[in-house]
Amino acid sequence: MTPTPPAITPAANWQIDLLRKALDGQGLTTMTERQAAIESAIGRPVESLRAMTNDEAIRALSELGGSSSARSSAASAWDERDEDTWIDRL
């Protein structure tokens, strides 16, 4: 008996939503830019975000969400303060 290949799970709706937010956070607005970023992250051509597998979505989120521009846009004035506050001195 031959082993059955593992089932391919499509990307979940919440992953697609997070990917769209990550692409927005990268400042990628055109379809061409967004598609190139996704294809670079997962290593294969895709027609749409819904054509990705769960594993590919995780890989893309990891790469797109881990960039310095995404982190810097999420930084607050609190994170970027120069001086210690009373709470830092406790």
N, C-alpha and C. Protein backbone atom coordinates (compact mmCIF):
# COMPACT_ATOMS: atom_id res chain seq x y z
N MET A 1 0.84 -1.17 0.00
CA MET A 1 0.00 0.00 0.00
C MET A 1 0.90 1.24 0.00
N THR A 2 0.62 2.19 -0.88
CA THR A 2 1.42 3.40 -0.96
C THR A 2 0.90 4.44 0.03
N PRO A 3 1.82 5.17 0.64
CA PRO A 3 1.37 6.19 1.60
C PRO A 3 0.66 7.33 0.86
N THR A 4 -0.37 7.87 1.49
CA THR A 4 -1.08 9.00 0.90
C THR A 4 -0.32 10.29 1.22
N PRO A 5 -0.27 11.19 0.24
CA PRO A 5 0.41 12.47 0.51
C PRO A 5 -0.37 13.28 1.54
N PRO A 6 0.32 14.13 2.28
CA PRO A 6 -0.38 14.94 3.28
C PRO A 6 -1.37 15.87 2.60
N ALA A 7 -2.46 16.13 3.28
CA ALA A 7 -3.49 17.03 2.74
C ALA A 7 -2.95 18.45 2.69
N ILE A 8 -3.28 19.15 1.62
CA ILE A 8 -2.88 20.54 1.48
C ILE A 8 -4.01 21.41 2.03
N THR A 9 -3.67 22.20 3.04
CA THR A 9 -4.66 23.07 3.67
C THR A 9 -4.55 24.46 3.06
N PRO A 10 -5.63 25.00 2.55
CA PRO A 10 -5.56 26.36 1.99
C PRO A 10 -5.38 27.39 3.09
N ALA A 11 -4.88 28.55 2.72
CA ALA A 11 -4.70 29.64 3.68
C ALA A 11 -6.06 30.02 4.25
N ALA A 12 -6.09 30.29 5.54
CA ALA A 12 -7.33 30.66 6.23
C ALA A 12 -7.66 32.14 5.96
N ASN A 13 -8.91 32.48 6.12
CA ASN A 13 -9.34 33.87 5.91
C ASN A 13 -8.57 34.85 6.79
N TRP A 14 -8.32 34.46 8.05
CA TRP A 14 -7.61 35.37 8.95
C TRP A 14 -6.17 35.57 8.48
N GLN A 15 -5.57 34.54 7.86
CA GLN A 15 -4.21 34.70 7.33
C GLN A 15 -4.22 35.65 6.14
N ILE A 16 -5.21 35.54 5.29
CA ILE A 16 -5.34 36.44 4.14
C ILE A 16 -5.48 37.88 4.62
N ASP A 17 -6.31 38.09 5.64
CA ASP A 17 -6.49 39.43 6.20
C ASP A 17 -5.18 39.98 6.75
N LEU A 18 -4.44 39.14 7.48
CA LEU A 18 -3.16 39.59 8.03
C LEU A 18 -2.14 39.88 6.93
N LEU A 19 -2.16 39.07 5.88
CA LEU A 19 -1.25 39.32 4.76
C LEU A 19 -1.56 40.66 4.10
N ARG A 20 -2.82 40.96 3.92
CA ARG A 20 -3.20 42.26 3.32
C ARG A 20 -2.71 43.41 4.20
N LYS A 21 -2.87 43.26 5.51
CA LYS A 21 -2.40 44.30 6.43
C LYS A 21 -0.88 44.42 6.39
N ALA A 22 -0.18 43.30 6.30
CA ALA A 22 1.28 43.33 6.23
C ALA A 22 1.75 44.00 4.95
N LEU A 23 1.08 43.72 3.85
CA LEU A 23 1.43 44.36 2.58
C LEU A 23 1.17 45.86 2.64
N ASP A 24 0.06 46.25 3.26
CA ASP A 24 -0.22 47.68 3.45
C ASP A 24 0.85 48.32 4.32
N GLY A 25 1.25 47.60 5.37
CA GLY A 25 2.29 48.11 6.27
C GLY A 25 3.64 48.29 5.59
N GLN A 26 3.86 47.51 4.55
CA GLN A 26 5.10 47.63 3.77
C GLN A 26 5.02 48.78 2.78
N GLY A 27 3.84 49.38 2.64
CA GLY A 27 3.66 50.46 1.67
C GLY A 27 3.49 49.94 0.25
N LEU A 28 3.17 48.66 0.11
CA LEU A 28 2.97 48.07 -1.21
C LEU A 28 1.51 48.26 -1.60
N THR A 29 1.27 49.10 -2.60
CA THR A 29 -0.11 49.43 -2.94
C THR A 29 -0.55 48.87 -4.29
N THR A 30 0.37 48.74 -5.22
CA THR A 30 -0.05 48.23 -6.53
C THR A 30 -0.09 46.70 -6.50
N MET A 31 -0.93 46.15 -7.35
CA MET A 31 -1.08 44.70 -7.42
C MET A 31 0.25 44.04 -7.80
N THR A 32 1.00 44.69 -8.68
CA THR A 32 2.28 44.14 -9.11
C THR A 32 3.27 44.06 -7.96
N GLU A 33 3.34 45.11 -7.15
CA GLU A 33 4.24 45.12 -5.99
C GLU A 33 3.84 44.06 -4.98
N ARG A 34 2.56 43.97 -4.71
CA ARG A 34 2.06 43.03 -3.72
C ARG A 34 2.30 41.59 -4.16
N GLN A 35 2.04 41.32 -5.44
CA GLN A 35 2.23 39.97 -5.97
C GLN A 35 3.71 39.60 -5.94
N ALA A 36 4.58 40.54 -6.31
CA ALA A 36 6.02 40.27 -6.29
C ALA A 36 6.51 39.96 -4.88
N ALA A 37 6.02 40.68 -3.89
CA ALA A 37 6.42 40.46 -2.50
C ALA A 37 5.98 39.08 -2.02
N ILE A 38 4.76 38.71 -2.33
CA ILE A 38 4.24 37.40 -1.92
C ILE A 38 5.01 36.29 -2.62
N GLU A 39 5.21 36.43 -3.91
CA GLU A 39 5.92 35.39 -4.66
C GLU A 39 7.36 35.25 -4.19
N SER A 40 7.98 36.36 -3.83
CA SER A 40 9.34 36.30 -3.29
C SER A 40 9.37 35.59 -1.94
N ALA A 41 8.36 35.83 -1.12
CA ALA A 41 8.30 35.24 0.21
C ALA A 41 8.06 33.73 0.16
N ILE A 42 7.21 33.28 -0.77
CA ILE A 42 6.87 31.86 -0.77
C ILE A 42 7.62 31.06 -1.83
N GLY A 43 8.27 31.75 -2.77
CA GLY A 43 9.12 31.04 -3.72
C GLY A 43 8.41 30.40 -4.90
N ARG A 44 7.22 30.88 -5.21
CA ARG A 44 6.52 30.37 -6.40
C ARG A 44 5.52 31.41 -6.86
N PRO A 45 5.14 31.35 -8.14
CA PRO A 45 4.12 32.29 -8.63
C PRO A 45 2.74 31.96 -8.06
N VAL A 46 1.97 32.99 -7.78
CA VAL A 46 0.60 32.81 -7.31
C VAL A 46 -0.32 33.78 -8.05
N GLU A 47 -1.54 33.34 -8.29
CA GLU A 47 -2.52 34.19 -8.97
C GLU A 47 -3.19 35.15 -7.99
N SER A 48 -3.38 34.68 -6.76
CA SER A 48 -4.03 35.49 -5.73
C SER A 48 -3.61 34.97 -4.36
N LEU A 49 -3.94 35.73 -3.33
CA LEU A 49 -3.63 35.29 -1.97
C LEU A 49 -4.38 34.01 -1.62
N ARG A 50 -5.55 33.85 -2.15
CA ARG A 50 -6.35 32.66 -1.87
C ARG A 50 -5.78 31.40 -2.51
N ALA A 51 -4.83 31.54 -3.42
CA ALA A 51 -4.21 30.38 -4.06
C ALA A 51 -3.08 29.80 -3.22
N MET A 52 -2.80 30.42 -2.08
CA MET A 52 -1.71 29.97 -1.22
C MET A 52 -2.18 28.89 -0.25
N THR A 53 -1.23 28.08 0.18
CA THR A 53 -1.52 27.09 1.21
C THR A 53 -1.33 27.73 2.59
N ASN A 54 -1.77 27.03 3.59
CA ASN A 54 -1.59 27.47 4.97
C ASN A 54 -0.11 27.68 5.28
N ASP A 55 0.72 26.71 4.89
CA ASP A 55 2.16 26.81 5.16
C ASP A 55 2.79 28.00 4.44
N GLU A 56 2.35 28.24 3.21
CA GLU A 56 2.89 29.39 2.45
C GLU A 56 2.46 30.70 3.09
N ALA A 57 1.23 30.77 3.57
CA ALA A 57 0.75 31.98 4.24
C ALA A 57 1.57 32.26 5.49
N ILE A 58 1.87 31.21 6.24
CA ILE A 58 2.69 31.39 7.45
C ILE A 58 4.08 31.91 7.07
N ARG A 59 4.66 31.34 6.03
CA ARG A 59 5.99 31.78 5.57
C ARG A 59 5.95 33.24 5.12
N ALA A 60 4.93 33.61 4.35
CA ALA A 60 4.80 34.98 3.87
C ALA A 60 4.60 35.95 5.02
N LEU A 61 3.75 35.58 5.98
CA LEU A 61 3.53 36.44 7.15
C LEU A 61 4.81 36.63 7.95
N SER A 62 5.55 35.56 8.07
CA SER A 62 6.82 35.64 8.81
C SER A 62 7.78 36.61 8.13
N GLU A 63 7.87 36.51 6.82
CA GLU A 63 8.80 37.38 6.10
C GLU A 63 8.31 38.82 6.01
N LEU A 64 7.06 39.01 5.70
CA LEU A 64 6.53 40.37 5.54
C LEU A 64 6.32 41.07 6.87
N GLY A 65 5.94 40.33 7.88
CA GLY A 65 5.70 40.91 9.19
C GLY A 65 6.97 41.18 9.96
N GLY A 66 8.09 40.58 9.56
CA GLY A 66 9.34 40.72 10.30
C GLY A 66 10.26 41.78 9.78
N SER A 67 9.79 42.63 8.87
CA SER A 67 10.68 43.64 8.31
C SER A 67 10.79 44.85 9.21
N SER A 68 11.84 45.60 9.07
CA SER A 68 12.07 46.76 9.92
C SER A 68 11.06 47.86 9.64
N SER A 69 10.60 48.02 8.39
CA SER A 69 9.64 49.07 8.11
C SER A 69 8.30 48.79 8.76
N ALA A 70 7.91 47.53 8.84
CA ALA A 70 6.66 47.19 9.51
C ALA A 70 6.79 47.45 11.01
N ARG A 71 7.94 47.14 11.58
CA ARG A 71 8.13 47.39 13.01
C ARG A 71 8.18 48.88 13.30
N SER A 72 8.85 49.66 12.46
CA SER A 72 8.98 51.07 12.74
C SER A 72 7.64 51.79 12.62
N SER A 73 6.76 51.34 11.71
CA SER A 73 5.46 51.98 11.60
C SER A 73 4.59 51.65 12.80
N ALA A 74 4.87 50.55 13.47
CA ALA A 74 4.08 50.16 14.63
C ALA A 74 4.63 50.77 15.92
N ALA A 75 5.80 51.39 15.88
CA ALA A 75 6.39 51.97 17.08
C ALA A 75 5.61 53.20 17.50
N SER A 76 5.47 53.36 18.80
CA SER A 76 4.74 54.51 19.32
C SER A 76 5.73 55.54 19.86
N ALA A 77 5.20 56.69 20.22
CA ALA A 77 6.03 57.72 20.84
C ALA A 77 6.64 57.20 22.14
N TRP A 78 5.93 56.33 22.83
CA TRP A 78 6.45 55.75 24.06
C TRP A 78 7.70 54.92 23.78
N ASP A 79 7.66 54.13 22.71
CA ASP A 79 8.80 53.29 22.36
C ASP A 79 10.01 54.10 21.92
N GLU A 80 9.77 55.29 21.37
CA GLU A 80 10.85 56.08 20.81
C GLU A 80 11.29 57.24 21.71
N ARG A 81 10.87 57.21 22.96
CA ARG A 81 11.24 58.31 23.87
C ARG A 81 12.74 58.28 24.17
N ASP A 82 13.30 59.46 24.41
CA ASP A 82 14.73 59.57 24.69
C ASP A 82 15.05 59.53 26.17
N GLU A 83 14.16 60.05 26.97
CA GLU A 83 14.42 60.16 28.40
C GLU A 83 13.67 59.10 29.20
N ASP A 84 14.18 58.76 30.34
CA ASP A 84 13.47 57.86 31.25
C ASP A 84 12.27 58.59 31.84
N THR A 85 11.24 57.84 32.07
CA THR A 85 10.06 58.38 32.74
C THR A 85 10.06 57.88 34.17
N TRP A 86 9.09 58.33 34.93
CA TRP A 86 9.05 57.90 36.34
C TRP A 86 8.91 56.38 36.43
N ILE A 87 8.23 55.77 35.47
CA ILE A 87 8.05 54.33 35.53
C ILE A 87 9.35 53.58 35.23
N ASP A 88 10.20 54.17 34.38
CA ASP A 88 11.49 53.56 34.09
C ASP A 88 12.41 53.59 35.31
N ARG A 89 12.22 54.58 36.17
CA ARG A 89 13.09 54.73 37.33
C ARG A 89 12.67 53.88 38.51
N LEU A 90 11.54 53.22 38.44
CA LEU A 90 11.07 52.38 39.56
C LEU A 90 11.97 51.20 39.79
